[in-house]
Amino acid sequence: MLQRAAKGEISLNLPLFQTKYTADPAPLVVGDTLFLFTSHDASPEDIPDVNEKSSAGFFMYDWLLWSTTDMVNWTEHGAVASLKDIPWRSRENGAWAIQTVERNGKYYLYAPLHGHGIAVLKADSPYGPFKDPLGKPLVWDQSNWFDIDPSVYTDDDGQAYLYWGNPHTFYAKLNDDMISLKSEVTKLPHIKHYQEGPWIYGRRQGDRETGSYKYYLAYASTCCPEALGYAMSDSPTGLWEWKNYIMRPTLRDRGNHPGICDFKGHSYVFGQSYDLMHLDTFTHHERRSVSATEITYNEDGTIQEVPYWLDQEPVKQLCWLNPYQRVEAETMAWGYGLKSAKMGIENTGVVADMPTSTGKKNMYIFDINDGEFIKLRGVDFGNGAKKFNITAASTGSCKVTLRLDGQDGPIVGEAVISKTGSVEKYKAFNTKVTNASGVHDLYLCFSNTSGETRLDWWKFGN
């Protein structure tokens, strides 16, 4: 079934991203955009030690950023920061789970250096560049290795709290500068089934003005397999009372990590699985992928349990995609088999070769082969599109067939990308479009590929 889904034949609640393996989702809502920060499990070609390329272990060097306005079509922004941005790090592998929060127009990225404390990076934008303002750990108890999976929540009164810990739970109050502690570190009593990956947030139940305020601590439950559990409290510091699973343990998964947010009137939980890797192999490797689903709350504030990711319908689209504005090629609902990179940066996965945090840079799609496609959900063509433009660079050629509602759906246009002189030289390629009106899923299907082709952006016209 997974293989058929990858070919666009059936609809499942599949992982959100396919160009890279992802884990540890951390959502951040800014205006009408949801940003999702993730950790990054290296693909075999990105692992520097040739003897480890088939290893089942973790190989994690940087952190990634994605964004959406509709919950189904996601734009990739590449590596937002890497271990190289923390010069006092103790090892070249271990870019574990982060969380990024905003305060007073600044963005703070909290990162664990397992066994060496928790770092904080600061930026003027969610895209970075992120810089280390301290040059040392924000938190580091040298007596243990519990310093993992930081989560930050700012309460209505402006007080920010930093949570972390595996297999114990710790918290401390943050000062208004978000880069120093206001209180001593407190170790909480054991929370039922707690293992790691705390995610703390608050939410008012019932009436927005008079309803009771509840605090939530979601987490990965006792391994293995890990599930998504949660506890509740009347205070951001506890006492925390176990409530239930958000998603209960299943042998189809062995690890999980929650990220929860409210966005455009809906609540979403993000987690991880091995479903993307299972399109290629069921031999275990730590190559995870992030999924999401909507959650609902009962009148008492408890969260209704959800089934495993693949047992649910895909997330509902919140607004239609406008094809008459520039759409980056790395914006997609599905694009299995394709790769992406930032222009001008050869990010090999080796820490020594990584740039420090660059901020927002243009990206491109590459490694395009016959039979692959980019799917976009809910594209609103209105009264009808008449033309299609795509900007690309190529040392060979590639045919882009535009289809509606399926990989084998009706053809509304075909553009042929030809040689541009080099993969650094981008040109515009055009085609006429017919019979494309109303709202449809759009498939950019690739065939007749030769040489190397890189896609930058596309746009329809009328």
Protein backbone atom coordinates (compact mmCIF):
# COMPACT_ATOMS: atom_id res chain seq x y z
CA MET A 1 0.00 0.00 0.00
CA LEU A 2 2.85 2.39 0.82
CA GLN A 3 4.45 1.77 -2.56
CA ARG A 4 1.16 2.52 -4.33
CA ALA A 5 0.78 5.69 -2.29
CA ALA A 6 4.25 6.83 -3.32
CA LYS A 7 3.18 6.48 -6.93
CA GLY A 8 0.15 8.68 -6.32
CA GLU A 9 -2.34 5.85 -6.70
CA ILE A 10 -3.99 6.06 -3.26
CA SER A 11 -4.42 8.68 -0.57
CA LEU A 12 -2.93 8.09 2.89
CA ASN A 13 -1.84 10.36 5.72
CA LEU A 14 1.77 10.13 4.56
CA PRO A 15 4.90 11.88 5.92
CA LEU A 16 4.98 15.61 5.21
CA PHE A 17 8.46 15.78 3.61
CA GLN A 18 10.26 13.51 1.20
CA THR A 19 13.44 15.29 0.04
CA LYS A 20 15.10 14.60 3.42
CA TYR A 21 14.60 12.39 6.44
CA THR A 22 13.19 14.41 9.32
CA ALA A 23 12.37 14.00 13.02
CA ASP A 24 11.61 15.92 16.22
CA PRO A 25 9.03 18.37 14.80
CA ALA A 26 8.78 21.79 16.47
CA PRO A 27 6.00 24.05 15.11
CA LEU A 28 6.03 27.85 15.41
CA VAL A 29 3.13 30.02 14.19
CA VAL A 30 4.00 33.50 12.92
CA GLY A 31 1.04 35.41 11.49
CA ASP A 32 -0.64 33.32 8.78
CA THR A 33 2.36 31.00 8.39
CA LEU A 34 3.23 27.84 10.28
CA PHE A 35 6.97 27.23 10.47
CA LEU A 36 8.12 23.72 11.30
CA PHE A 37 11.66 23.15 12.56
CA THR A 38 12.94 19.57 12.42
CA SER A 39 16.04 17.60 13.10
CA HIS A 40 17.62 15.85 10.13
CA ASP A 41 18.54 12.18 9.83
CA ALA A 42 21.29 11.92 7.24
CA SER A 43 20.77 9.91 4.08
CA PRO A 44 23.50 7.34 3.37
CA GLU A 45 25.22 9.61 0.84
CA ASP A 46 25.56 12.32 3.52
CA ILE A 47 27.31 10.14 6.12
CA PRO A 48 31.06 10.92 5.98
CA ASP A 49 32.36 7.59 7.32
CA VAL A 50 32.05 5.03 4.51
CA ASN A 51 31.96 2.25 7.10
CA GLU A 52 28.84 3.76 8.67
CA LYS A 53 26.72 4.42 5.59
CA SER A 54 24.60 1.33 6.24
CA SER A 55 24.58 1.72 10.00
CA ALA A 56 21.31 1.70 11.94
CA GLY A 57 22.51 4.54 14.19
CA PHE A 58 21.82 8.27 14.34
CA PHE A 59 23.73 10.64 12.03
CA MET A 60 22.47 14.18 12.60
CA TYR A 61 24.43 17.32 11.71
CA ASP A 62 21.99 20.18 11.17
CA TRP A 63 18.41 21.43 11.67
CA LEU A 64 15.88 22.09 8.92
CA LEU A 65 13.01 24.53 8.39
CA TRP A 66 9.73 24.18 6.47
CA SER A 67 6.67 26.42 6.17
CA THR A 68 3.03 26.25 5.09
CA THR A 69 -0.08 28.40 4.98
CA ASP A 70 -2.50 25.58 4.12
CA MET A 71 -1.16 22.54 6.09
CA VAL A 72 -0.74 20.37 2.99
CA ASN A 73 1.65 22.17 0.62
CA TRP A 74 4.98 22.76 2.38
CA THR A 75 7.92 24.93 1.30
CA GLU A 76 11.38 23.75 2.26
CA HIS A 77 13.95 26.29 3.47
CA GLY A 78 16.85 23.90 4.01
CA ALA A 79 19.27 23.90 6.91
CA VAL A 80 18.48 26.78 9.26
CA ALA A 81 21.40 26.04 11.61
CA SER A 82 24.01 23.35 12.18
CA LEU A 83 26.35 22.05 14.84
CA LYS A 84 28.97 24.35 13.35
CA ASP A 85 27.01 27.31 14.78
CA ILE A 86 27.92 26.03 18.26
CA PRO A 87 31.73 26.21 18.35
CA TRP A 88 32.00 24.78 21.86
CA ARG A 89 30.20 21.56 20.86
CA SER A 90 31.86 18.36 22.00
CA ARG A 91 31.18 16.13 18.97
CA GLU A 92 30.53 16.19 15.22
CA ASN A 93 27.28 14.20 15.35
CA GLY A 94 24.19 14.72 17.48
CA ALA A 95 21.97 17.57 16.24
CA TRP A 96 19.07 16.36 18.38
CA ALA A 97 15.60 17.82 18.93
CA ILE A 98 15.28 21.61 19.02
CA GLN A 99 12.55 24.16 19.58
CA THR A 100 12.43 27.72 18.23
CA VAL A 101 10.29 30.41 19.86
CA GLU A 102 9.64 34.10 19.16
CA ARG A 103 9.76 36.93 21.68
CA ASN A 104 9.75 40.67 21.03
CA GLY A 105 10.60 40.16 17.35
CA LYS A 106 13.59 37.92 18.05
CA TYR A 107 13.82 34.16 17.52
CA TYR A 108 15.49 31.77 19.94
CA LEU A 109 16.54 28.27 18.94
CA TYR A 110 17.18 25.90 21.87
CA ALA A 111 19.37 22.93 21.01
CA PRO A 112 20.66 20.01 23.09
CA LEU A 113 24.33 19.02 22.95
CA HIS A 114 23.73 15.68 24.62
CA GLY A 115 26.12 15.33 27.55
CA HIS A 116 27.34 18.88 27.09
CA GLY A 117 24.33 21.00 28.01
CA ILE A 118 21.66 22.94 26.14
CA ALA A 119 22.62 25.76 23.77
CA VAL A 120 20.57 28.73 22.62
CA LEU A 121 20.96 30.50 19.27
CA LYS A 122 19.39 33.87 18.41
CA ALA A 123 18.17 35.44 15.16
CA ASP A 124 16.08 38.32 13.80
CA SER A 125 14.06 35.96 11.57
CA PRO A 126 12.78 32.38 11.74
CA TYR A 127 15.01 31.71 8.72
CA GLY A 128 18.12 32.88 10.58
CA PRO A 129 20.97 33.45 10.46
CA PHE A 130 21.17 32.08 14.00
CA LYS A 131 24.14 33.06 16.16
CA ASP A 132 25.35 31.89 19.56
CA PRO A 133 25.03 34.86 21.99
CA LEU A 134 26.52 33.02 24.99
CA GLY A 135 29.47 30.96 23.79
CA LYS A 136 28.59 28.39 26.44
CA PRO A 137 25.66 26.19 27.52
CA LEU A 138 22.52 27.82 28.84
CA VAL A 139 22.00 24.74 31.03
CA TRP A 140 24.54 22.05 31.86
CA ASP A 141 24.52 19.71 34.83
CA GLN A 142 27.83 17.92 34.37
CA SER A 143 26.75 15.14 36.73
CA ASN A 144 24.38 13.56 34.19
CA TRP A 145 23.41 13.17 30.53
CA PHE A 146 19.76 14.14 30.94
CA ASP A 147 20.15 17.41 28.97
CA ILE A 148 18.08 16.59 25.91
CA ASP A 149 14.95 17.78 24.06
CA PRO A 150 14.46 21.38 25.26
CA SER A 151 10.96 22.88 25.06
CA VAL A 152 10.05 26.51 25.83
CA TYR A 153 6.65 27.97 26.65
CA THR A 154 5.84 31.61 27.43
CA ASP A 155 2.78 32.04 29.65
CA ASP A 156 0.21 34.83 29.37
CA ASP A 157 1.98 36.78 32.12
CA GLY A 158 5.18 36.85 30.06
CA GLN A 159 7.07 34.29 32.13
CA ALA A 160 8.94 31.78 29.95
CA TYR A 161 9.67 28.21 31.04
CA LEU A 162 12.33 25.85 29.74
CA TYR A 163 11.62 22.11 30.01
CA TRP A 164 13.90 19.23 29.05
CA GLY A 165 15.00 15.75 30.02
CA ASN A 166 15.42 12.05 29.28
CA PRO A 167 14.43 9.98 31.24
CA HIS A 168 13.68 12.57 33.94
CA THR A 169 11.84 15.88 33.54
CA PHE A 170 13.43 19.20 34.49
CA TYR A 171 12.39 22.83 34.19
CA ALA A 172 13.67 26.33 34.94
CA LYS A 173 12.27 29.82 34.51
CA LEU A 174 13.90 32.01 31.85
CA ASN A 175 14.63 35.70 32.15
CA ASP A 176 13.01 38.09 29.67
CA ASP A 177 16.20 37.99 27.57
CA MET A 178 15.46 34.27 26.90
CA ILE A 179 19.17 33.43 27.16
CA SER A 180 19.60 33.26 30.94
CA LEU A 181 17.92 31.46 33.83
CA LYS A 182 15.70 33.26 36.33
CA SER A 183 15.37 30.30 38.70
CA GLU A 184 17.17 27.21 39.86
CA VAL A 185 16.68 24.00 37.91
CA THR A 186 13.85 21.86 39.32
CA LYS A 187 13.55 18.12 38.82
CA LEU A 188 9.90 17.08 38.63
CA PRO A 189 8.39 13.97 40.20
CA HIS A 190 8.16 11.12 37.73
CA ILE A 191 5.32 11.55 35.22
CA LYS A 192 3.62 8.31 34.26
CA HIS A 193 5.07 6.77 31.08
CA TYR A 194 7.41 9.77 30.53
CA GLN A 195 10.53 9.00 28.50
CA GLU A 196 11.69 12.09 26.54
CA GLY A 197 10.67 14.84 24.13
CA PRO A 198 8.62 17.14 26.40
CA TRP A 199 6.38 19.70 24.68
CA ILE A 200 4.78 22.23 27.00
CA TYR A 201 1.93 24.58 26.10
CA GLY A 202 -1.17 26.22 27.56
CA ARG A 203 -4.69 26.45 26.23
CA ARG A 204 -7.96 28.01 27.39
CA GLN A 205 -10.95 25.67 27.40
CA GLY A 206 -14.45 26.86 26.55
CA ASP A 207 -15.02 30.61 26.34
CA ARG A 208 -11.91 32.51 25.22
CA GLU A 209 -12.29 35.08 27.97
CA THR A 210 -13.78 33.15 30.87
CA GLY A 211 -12.88 29.53 30.17
CA SER A 212 -10.46 27.67 32.43
CA TYR A 213 -6.79 27.65 31.43
CA LYS A 214 -5.09 24.27 31.21
CA TYR A 215 -1.43 23.41 30.78
CA TYR A 216 -0.23 20.42 28.80
CA LEU A 217 2.97 18.44 28.84
CA ALA A 218 3.04 16.11 25.84
CA TYR A 219 5.95 13.69 25.48
CA ALA A 220 7.30 10.50 24.01
CA SER A 221 6.21 7.72 26.33
CA THR A 222 8.35 4.92 27.67
CA CYS A 223 10.38 3.18 24.96
CA CYS A 224 10.09 0.94 23.02
CA PRO A 225 7.93 1.50 21.02
CA GLU A 226 7.45 5.09 22.10
CA ALA A 227 3.99 6.58 21.90
CA LEU A 228 2.69 10.12 22.32
CA GLY A 229 1.39 10.62 25.83
CA TYR A 230 0.41 13.71 27.77
CA ALA A 231 -0.20 15.07 31.24
CA MET A 232 -2.15 18.14 32.38
CA SER A 233 -1.86 20.68 35.17
CA ASP A 234 -3.36 23.92 36.45
CA SER A 235 0.15 25.44 36.55
CA PRO A 236 3.04 25.52 34.06
CA THR A 237 5.23 24.01 36.80
CA GLY A 238 2.90 21.12 37.75
CA LEU A 239 1.92 19.01 39.49
CA TRP A 240 1.45 17.03 36.29
CA GLU A 241 -1.28 14.40 36.06
CA TRP A 242 -1.06 11.71 33.38
CA LYS A 243 -4.19 11.73 31.22
CA ASN A 244 -3.84 9.39 28.26
CA TYR A 245 -2.10 8.68 25.00
CA ILE A 246 -2.50 11.09 22.12
CA MET A 247 -1.32 8.19 19.95
CA ARG A 248 -0.79 4.87 21.67
CA PRO A 249 2.20 2.52 21.15
CA THR A 250 2.34 0.47 17.97
CA LEU A 251 4.87 -2.01 16.66
CA ARG A 252 4.85 -0.10 13.36
CA ASP A 253 6.95 2.56 15.07
CA ARG A 254 9.71 2.55 17.69
CA GLY A 255 10.24 6.24 18.36
CA ASN A 256 8.15 9.36 18.54
CA HIS A 257 8.38 13.02 19.49
CA PRO A 258 5.46 15.47 19.82
CA GLY A 259 5.07 19.03 18.64
CA ILE A 260 1.66 20.67 19.10
CA CYS A 261 0.23 24.01 17.99
CA ASP A 262 -2.99 25.88 17.21
CA PHE A 263 -3.16 27.24 13.66
CA LYS A 264 -6.03 29.01 11.93
CA GLY A 265 -8.62 27.68 14.34
CA HIS A 266 -7.34 24.09 14.37
CA SER A 267 -5.05 22.12 16.68
CA TYR A 268 -2.37 19.85 15.25
CA VAL A 269 -0.01 17.27 16.65
CA PHE A 270 3.20 16.48 14.79
CA GLY A 271 5.22 13.33 15.33
CA GLN A 272 7.50 10.94 13.53
CA SER A 273 7.67 7.46 12.08
CA TYR A 274 9.73 5.32 9.70
CA ASP A 275 7.05 5.32 7.01
CA LEU A 276 9.13 7.17 4.43
CA MET A 277 12.10 4.82 4.90
CA HIS A 278 9.74 1.87 4.56
CA LEU A 279 9.10 2.87 0.96
CA ASP A 280 12.71 1.80 0.38
CA THR A 281 13.51 -0.79 3.05
CA PHE A 282 12.15 -2.43 6.19
CA THR A 283 15.70 -3.04 7.44
CA HIS A 284 15.92 -0.75 10.44
CA HIS A 285 17.92 2.49 10.25
CA GLU A 286 17.40 5.72 12.15
CA ARG A 287 15.91 7.48 9.12
CA ARG A 288 12.69 9.00 10.36
CA SER A 289 9.98 11.15 8.82
CA VAL A 290 7.55 13.71 10.25
CA SER A 291 3.77 13.35 10.01
CA ALA A 292 0.87 15.42 11.35
CA THR A 293 -2.81 15.17 12.14
CA GLU A 294 -5.52 17.35 13.62
CA ILE A 295 -6.47 16.82 17.26
CA THR A 296 -9.63 17.78 19.15
CA TYR A 297 -10.30 18.50 22.82
CA ASN A 298 -13.08 17.31 25.09
CA GLU A 299 -15.01 19.74 27.29
CA ASP A 300 -12.71 19.03 30.23
CA GLY A 301 -9.65 19.84 28.11
CA THR A 302 -8.47 16.27 27.59
CA ILE A 303 -7.25 15.34 24.11
CA GLN A 304 -9.11 12.79 22.03
CA GLU A 305 -6.85 9.90 21.06
CA VAL A 306 -5.92 9.59 17.38
CA PRO A 307 -5.02 6.45 15.40
CA TYR A 308 -1.60 5.79 13.89
CA TRP A 309 -0.64 8.22 11.09
CA LEU A 310 -1.33 5.85 8.20
CA ASP A 311 -4.73 4.88 9.62
CA GLN A 312 -6.07 8.42 9.20
CA GLU A 313 -7.30 10.55 6.36
CA PRO A 314 -4.80 13.16 5.09
CA VAL A 315 -4.84 16.52 6.83
CA LYS A 316 -7.53 18.85 5.44
CA GLN A 317 -6.37 21.78 3.35
CA LEU A 318 -7.05 25.18 4.97
CA CYS A 319 -6.86 27.38 1.85
CA TRP A 320 -6.26 26.88 -1.87
CA LEU A 321 -2.86 27.38 -3.48
CA ASN A 322 -2.59 30.33 -5.88
CA PRO A 323 -0.77 29.18 -9.04
CA TYR A 324 -0.63 32.70 -10.49
CA GLN A 325 2.13 33.80 -8.13
CA ARG A 326 5.69 32.52 -7.94
CA VAL A 327 5.71 29.02 -6.44
CA GLU A 328 9.07 27.60 -5.41
CA ALA A 329 9.87 24.18 -6.87
CA GLU A 330 10.56 22.98 -3.33
CA THR A 331 6.90 23.66 -2.44
CA MET A 332 5.03 20.38 -2.59
CA ALA A 333 2.58 18.02 -0.95
CA TRP A 334 4.54 15.01 -2.23
CA GLY A 335 7.81 14.56 -4.12
CA TYR A 336 9.29 11.17 -3.30
CA GLY A 337 12.70 10.53 -4.92
CA LEU A 338 13.60 14.20 -5.41
CA LYS A 339 16.40 16.10 -3.64
CA SER A 340 16.79 19.74 -2.65
CA ALA A 341 19.63 22.12 -1.81
CA LYS A 342 20.37 25.79 -1.20
CA MET A 343 21.86 27.60 -4.19
CA GLY A 344 25.59 28.13 -3.90
CA ILE A 345 26.02 25.78 -0.93
CA GLU A 346 27.27 22.21 -1.23
CA ASN A 347 25.91 20.77 2.01
CA THR A 348 27.42 17.29 2.09
CA GLY A 349 26.39 16.40 5.62
CA VAL A 350 29.98 16.59 6.86
CA VAL A 351 30.24 19.16 9.63
CA ALA A 352 33.54 20.51 8.31
CA ASP A 353 31.87 21.29 4.99
CA MET A 354 28.79 22.94 6.46
CA PRO A 355 28.35 26.68 6.39
CA THR A 356 27.31 28.49 9.49
CA SER A 357 23.67 29.57 9.56
CA THR A 358 23.05 31.47 6.33
CA GLY A 359 19.57 32.89 6.72
CA LYS A 360 17.01 32.58 3.94
CA LYS A 361 18.47 31.53 0.59
CA ASN A 362 16.91 30.40 -2.66
CA MET A 363 16.67 26.62 -3.13
CA TYR A 364 16.34 24.24 -6.04
CA ILE A 365 15.10 20.71 -6.74
CA PHE A 366 17.43 18.19 -8.37
CA ASP A 367 18.06 14.43 -8.78
CA ILE A 368 15.09 14.29 -11.15
CA ASN A 369 14.41 10.93 -12.78
CA ASP A 370 11.81 9.51 -15.16
CA GLY A 371 8.57 8.67 -13.41
CA GLU A 372 9.02 11.09 -10.51
CA PHE A 373 6.66 13.98 -9.88
CA ILE A 374 5.81 16.93 -7.67
CA LYS A 375 2.26 16.90 -6.33
CA LEU A 376 0.49 20.02 -5.07
CA ARG A 377 -2.89 19.77 -3.43
CA GLY A 378 -5.81 22.12 -3.94
CA VAL A 379 -4.55 24.44 -6.69
CA ASP A 380 -7.14 27.07 -7.63
CA PHE A 381 -6.96 27.85 -11.35
CA GLY A 382 -10.05 30.07 -11.18
CA ASN A 383 -11.57 30.74 -14.61
CA GLY A 384 -8.69 29.00 -16.36
CA ALA A 385 -4.93 29.11 -16.91
CA LYS A 386 -3.54 29.83 -20.37
CA LYS A 387 0.21 29.42 -19.91
CA PHE A 388 2.85 27.90 -17.65
CA ASN A 389 6.39 29.14 -16.98
CA ILE A 390 9.12 27.24 -15.18
CA THR A 391 12.64 28.44 -14.39
CA ALA A 392 15.30 25.75 -14.57
CA ALA A 393 18.93 24.98 -15.33
CA SER A 394 20.05 21.87 -17.18
CA THR A 395 23.00 20.11 -18.76
CA GLY A 396 20.57 17.83 -20.62
CA SER A 397 16.82 17.83 -20.90
CA CYS A 398 13.61 17.04 -19.02
CA LYS A 399 9.95 17.03 -20.05
CA VAL A 400 7.50 18.41 -17.50
CA THR A 401 3.96 17.16 -18.11
CA LEU A 402 1.22 19.01 -16.24
CA ARG A 403 -1.58 16.71 -15.09
CA LEU A 404 -4.65 17.24 -12.94
CA ASP A 405 -5.82 15.07 -10.03
CA GLY A 406 -3.45 12.17 -10.58
CA GLN A 407 -0.14 11.00 -12.00
CA ASP A 408 -2.12 9.64 -14.94
CA GLY A 409 -4.72 12.42 -14.93
CA PRO A 410 -5.67 14.71 -17.82
CA ILE A 411 -2.76 16.53 -19.46
CA VAL A 412 -3.18 20.32 -19.53
CA GLY A 413 0.30 21.24 -20.79
CA GLU A 414 3.85 20.06 -21.48
CA ALA A 415 7.06 22.05 -21.08
CA VAL A 416 10.42 20.81 -22.34
CA ILE A 417 13.51 21.95 -20.43
CA SER A 418 16.64 21.95 -22.60
CA LYS A 419 20.32 22.71 -22.05
CA THR A 420 21.04 26.08 -20.48
CA GLY A 421 24.84 25.85 -20.48
CA SER A 422 25.34 24.74 -16.86
CA VAL A 423 23.44 23.82 -13.73
CA GLU A 424 24.14 27.32 -12.44
CA LYS A 425 22.56 29.09 -15.43
CA TYR A 426 18.77 29.33 -15.10
CA LYS A 427 16.36 30.12 -17.94
CA ALA A 428 12.58 30.31 -18.31
CA PHE A 429 10.69 27.61 -20.24
CA ASN A 430 7.06 28.01 -21.30
CA THR A 431 4.06 26.09 -22.57
CA LYS A 432 0.44 26.76 -23.39
CA VAL A 433 -2.15 25.42 -20.96
CA THR A 434 -5.67 24.21 -21.79
CA ASN A 435 -8.57 22.90 -19.75
CA ALA A 436 -7.16 23.97 -16.37
CA SER A 437 -9.88 25.75 -14.38
CA GLY A 438 -11.36 25.41 -10.92
CA VAL A 439 -9.66 23.64 -8.01
CA HIS A 440 -7.53 20.55 -8.71
CA ASP A 441 -4.51 18.71 -7.44
CA LEU A 442 -1.60 19.50 -9.74
CA TYR A 443 1.08 17.00 -10.77
CA LEU A 444 4.36 18.08 -12.40
CA CYS A 445 5.42 14.77 -13.95
CA PHE A 446 8.99 14.26 -15.20
CA SER A 447 10.12 12.15 -18.18
CA ASN A 448 12.75 12.02 -20.94
CA THR A 449 15.38 13.10 -18.43
CA SER A 450 19.06 13.33 -19.35
CA GLY A 451 22.00 15.10 -17.78
CA GLU A 452 21.25 17.08 -14.64
CA THR A 453 18.26 19.40 -14.32
CA ARG A 454 17.59 21.81 -11.46
CA LEU A 455 14.20 23.46 -10.88
CA ASP A 456 13.91 26.88 -9.25
CA TRP A 457 10.27 28.07 -9.46
CA TRP A 458 7.14 27.99 -11.60
CA LYS A 459 4.03 30.08 -12.27
CA PHE A 460 0.82 29.87 -14.29
CA GLY A 461 -0.60 32.77 -16.31
CA ASN A 462 -4.05 33.62 -17.69
